[in-house]
Amino acid sequence: MEALGELIGALLEGIFGSYFAERRARRRELKLRRSGGISCYLRTVHGLHPNLSPIWSFEEVRLTPGAISTRRLSVPTDGLDPTTVRPAKDRELWTVPPETTVVMIRVPDGMVQWAVPEDRFEWALGLVAPVVDGAPHGAPAT
């Protein structure tokens, strides 16, 4: 049923232009957020992680304490390093939007970068790395 809705939306977009595409994207993002999810980008920067490559990949993920997940991959966030938070820069801007925040996550076989829209970053970080003793999970308590 959802596929039929996508098909009808694509046909209407062709006829009526970008209005329906933008509306459909907003509705999809709202539905994703209601279920604890977010649209973001992921890539490996060192080592390996199943179903990820060194090229940024756009993902619609579910955020839970300790993990960023899709149907095909799961990235544990135990190794999330809050000291590496920074805006997207340089060549990354060819793939990710300029208003994106990037953070490094240590995984068992390497390092993964997670890029999140800056207006949703604090919310997303709070879901995957809850505050423990006044510091984000993975950061030393002060």
Protein backbone atom coordinates (compact mmCIF):
# COMPACT_ATOMS: atom_id res chain seq x y z
CA MET A 1 0.00 0.00 0.00
CA GLU A 2 2.84 2.38 0.86
CA ALA A 3 4.48 1.59 -2.49
CA LEU A 4 1.27 2.58 -4.28
CA GLY A 5 1.28 5.89 -2.40
CA GLU A 6 4.90 6.45 -3.43
CA LEU A 7 4.02 5.72 -7.07
CA ILE A 8 1.02 8.06 -7.07
CA GLY A 9 3.15 10.74 -5.39
CA ALA A 10 5.84 10.38 -8.05
CA LEU A 11 3.25 10.69 -10.84
CA LEU A 12 1.69 13.78 -9.26
CA GLU A 13 5.14 15.27 -8.80
CA GLY A 14 5.77 14.92 -12.51
CA ILE A 15 2.50 16.68 -13.30
CA PHE A 16 2.39 19.36 -10.57
CA GLY A 17 6.08 19.97 -9.94
CA SER A 18 8.05 20.10 -6.73
CA TYR A 19 5.15 21.01 -4.39
CA PHE A 20 4.14 17.37 -3.95
CA ALA A 21 7.75 16.21 -3.64
CA GLU A 22 8.41 18.69 -0.83
CA ARG A 23 5.15 17.82 0.89
CA ARG A 24 5.89 14.10 0.65
CA ALA A 25 9.42 14.62 2.00
CA ARG A 26 8.07 16.65 4.96
CA ARG A 27 5.46 13.97 5.75
CA ARG A 28 8.05 11.20 5.51
CA GLU A 29 10.45 13.07 7.82
CA LEU A 30 7.65 13.73 10.33
CA LYS A 31 6.67 10.04 10.32
CA LEU A 32 10.31 9.07 10.82
CA ARG A 33 10.75 11.50 13.74
CA ARG A 34 7.59 10.26 15.45
CA SER A 35 9.07 6.77 15.52
CA GLY A 36 12.38 7.93 17.02
CA GLY A 37 14.16 8.16 13.69
CA ILE A 38 16.05 10.71 11.65
CA SER A 39 17.53 11.20 8.19
CA CYS A 40 21.32 11.35 8.39
CA TYR A 41 24.57 10.30 6.73
CA LEU A 42 27.00 7.56 7.77
CA ARG A 43 30.41 6.43 6.52
CA THR A 44 33.50 4.57 7.69
CA VAL A 45 36.70 6.56 8.04
CA HIS A 46 39.04 3.86 9.41
CA GLY A 47 38.70 0.10 9.31
CA LEU A 48 35.50 -1.70 8.39
CA HIS A 49 31.86 -1.78 9.41
CA PRO A 50 29.30 -4.09 7.78
CA ASN A 51 27.21 -2.39 5.06
CA LEU A 52 29.11 0.93 5.24
CA SER A 53 31.78 2.32 2.95
CA PRO A 54 34.10 5.36 3.03
CA ILE A 55 31.55 7.20 0.87
CA TRP A 56 28.81 9.08 2.73
CA SER A 57 25.52 7.18 2.51
CA PHE A 58 22.15 8.79 3.17
CA GLU A 59 20.20 6.72 5.70
CA GLU A 60 16.87 6.88 7.47
CA VAL A 61 17.78 5.48 10.87
CA ARG A 62 16.10 4.55 14.13
CA LEU A 63 17.78 5.95 17.23
CA THR A 64 17.83 3.92 20.44
CA PRO A 65 20.08 4.11 23.50
CA GLY A 66 23.36 2.60 22.37
CA ALA A 67 22.61 2.18 18.64
CA ILE A 68 21.89 3.81 15.30
CA SER A 69 20.02 1.23 13.21
CA THR A 70 18.41 0.54 9.85
CA ARG A 71 17.11 -2.71 8.41
CA ARG A 72 20.53 -3.48 6.97
CA LEU A 73 22.97 -2.11 9.55
CA SER A 74 23.47 -1.26 13.19
CA VAL A 75 26.15 1.06 14.55
CA PRO A 76 26.78 0.79 18.30
CA THR A 77 27.17 4.24 19.87
CA ASP A 78 29.14 3.19 22.97
CA GLY A 79 32.24 4.68 21.33
CA LEU A 80 30.64 8.02 20.43
CA ASP A 81 33.29 10.69 21.03
CA PRO A 82 31.70 14.06 21.95
CA THR A 83 35.09 15.79 21.61
CA THR A 84 34.98 15.23 17.82
CA VAL A 85 31.75 17.18 17.20
CA ARG A 86 32.21 19.65 14.33
CA PRO A 87 30.33 21.15 11.37
CA ALA A 88 30.58 19.51 7.95
CA LYS A 89 33.48 21.00 5.99
CA ASP A 90 35.57 20.94 2.83
CA ARG A 91 34.88 18.02 0.47
CA GLU A 92 32.12 16.66 2.73
CA LEU A 93 29.95 19.54 1.54
CA TRP A 94 29.72 17.90 -1.88
CA THR A 95 27.60 15.16 -0.26
CA VAL A 96 26.18 16.39 3.05
CA PRO A 97 24.25 19.66 3.53
CA PRO A 98 26.24 22.59 4.97
CA GLU A 99 24.01 22.80 8.06
CA THR A 100 25.17 19.36 9.26
CA THR A 101 27.02 18.34 12.43
CA VAL A 102 29.53 15.47 12.23
CA VAL A 103 30.73 13.24 15.09
CA MET A 104 33.05 10.21 15.25
CA ILE A 105 31.98 6.85 16.67
CA ARG A 106 34.49 4.15 17.60
CA VAL A 107 33.23 0.71 16.54
CA PRO A 108 34.94 -2.65 17.17
CA ASP A 109 36.69 -2.76 13.77
CA GLY A 110 37.25 0.94 13.05
CA MET A 111 35.75 4.42 13.11
CA VAL A 112 32.42 5.62 11.71
CA GLN A 113 31.35 9.22 11.09
CA TRP A 114 27.74 10.19 11.70
CA ALA A 115 26.41 13.41 10.11
CA VAL A 116 23.14 14.82 11.47
CA PRO A 117 21.22 18.02 10.63
CA GLU A 118 22.47 20.58 13.17
CA ASP A 119 18.94 21.50 14.29
CA ARG A 120 18.34 17.83 15.28
CA PHE A 121 21.82 16.98 16.63
CA GLU A 122 21.24 17.56 20.35
CA TRP A 123 17.96 15.62 20.20
CA ALA A 124 19.62 12.72 18.33
CA LEU A 125 22.62 12.69 20.66
CA GLY A 126 20.30 12.57 23.66
CA LEU A 127 18.60 9.47 22.25
CA VAL A 128 21.71 7.45 21.39
CA ALA A 129 24.03 8.68 24.15
CA PRO A 130 21.97 9.57 27.22
CA VAL A 131 23.49 11.88 29.82
CA VAL A 132 25.19 9.99 32.67
CA ASP A 133 26.41 11.95 35.72
CA GLY A 134 26.12 15.25 33.86
CA ALA A 135 28.16 14.17 30.81
CA PRO A 136 27.09 12.49 27.56
CA HIS A 137 27.56 8.71 27.54
CA GLY A 138 31.14 7.97 26.58
CA ALA A 139 32.50 11.29 27.91
CA PRO A 140 34.31 11.64 31.22
CA ALA A 141 32.09 13.00 34.00
CA THR A 142 33.14 16.37 35.41
